């Protein structure tokens, strides 16, 4: 993740938010389960490790 953050900063962008999520929108591993058919989680690692992160950045004027 640090490579992405540093690339964003190096491009002259200001990071407004960075969020970690414990779910994915696709089934990456066979042990992943889905309660709603849209998001997949690792039940034994829920709330322990991030599977996805989102970043919002803005170009400074």
Protein backbone atom coordinates (compact mmCIF):
# COMPACT_ATOMS: atom_id res chain seq x y z
CA UNK A 1 0.00 0.00 0.00
CA UNK A 2 2.85 2.39 0.70
CA UNK A 3 3.92 2.28 -2.97
CA UNK A 4 0.48 3.51 -4.01
CA UNK A 5 0.37 6.22 -1.35
CA UNK A 6 3.84 7.49 -2.27
CA UNK A 7 2.99 7.45 -5.98
CA UNK A 8 -0.12 9.55 -5.32
CA UNK A 9 1.86 12.04 -3.25
CA UNK A 10 4.68 12.05 -5.79
CA UNK A 11 2.18 12.94 -8.51
CA UNK A 12 1.36 16.13 -6.62
CA UNK A 13 -1.97 14.96 -5.25
CA UNK A 14 -3.26 15.56 -1.73
CA UNK A 15 -4.75 12.49 -0.05
CA UNK A 16 -8.19 13.25 1.36
CA UNK A 17 -9.05 9.79 2.65
CA UNK A 18 -7.69 6.27 2.85
CA UNK A 19 -9.95 3.42 3.95
CA UNK A 20 -9.39 -0.29 4.51
CA UNK A 21 -12.13 -2.86 3.98
CA UNK A 22 -12.47 -6.48 5.10
CA UNK A 23 -14.36 -7.55 1.95
CA UNK A 24 -13.91 -7.91 -1.80
CA UNK A 25 -16.35 -7.65 -4.70
CA UNK A 26 -15.09 -10.98 -6.13
CA UNK A 27 -14.30 -14.39 -4.65
CA UNK A 28 -10.51 -14.48 -4.50
CA UNK A 29 -10.16 -17.61 -2.33
CA UNK A 30 -12.36 -20.71 -2.03
CA UNK A 31 -12.81 -20.10 1.72
CA UNK A 32 -14.47 -16.72 1.11
CA UNK A 33 -18.18 -16.46 1.82
CA UNK A 34 -20.87 -14.02 0.79
CA UNK A 35 -23.99 -13.14 2.75
CA UNK A 36 -25.50 -10.93 0.05
CA UNK A 37 -24.03 -12.37 -3.17
CA UNK A 38 -22.12 -9.16 -3.86
CA UNK A 39 -19.35 -8.89 -1.25
CA UNK A 40 -17.01 -11.69 -0.15
CA UNK A 41 -15.27 -12.01 3.20
CA UNK A 42 -12.85 -14.35 4.91
CA UNK A 43 -14.89 -15.42 7.95
CA UNK A 44 -11.92 -16.48 10.08
CA UNK A 45 -10.11 -13.16 9.44
CA UNK A 46 -13.05 -10.74 9.50
CA UNK A 47 -12.04 -7.38 11.04
CA UNK A 48 -8.42 -8.61 11.31
CA UNK A 49 -6.82 -7.98 7.92
CA UNK A 50 -7.78 -5.60 5.11
CA UNK A 51 -8.60 -7.15 1.74
CA UNK A 52 -9.25 -3.92 -0.15
CA UNK A 53 -8.45 -0.26 0.27
CA UNK A 54 -9.86 2.88 -1.27
CA UNK A 55 -8.03 6.15 -1.64
CA UNK A 56 -9.35 9.59 -2.55
CA UNK A 57 -6.94 12.28 -3.67
CA UNK A 58 -7.21 15.70 -5.21
CA UNK A 59 -4.89 17.76 -7.37
CA UNK A 60 -3.85 20.91 -5.59
CA UNK A 61 -4.41 24.10 -7.59
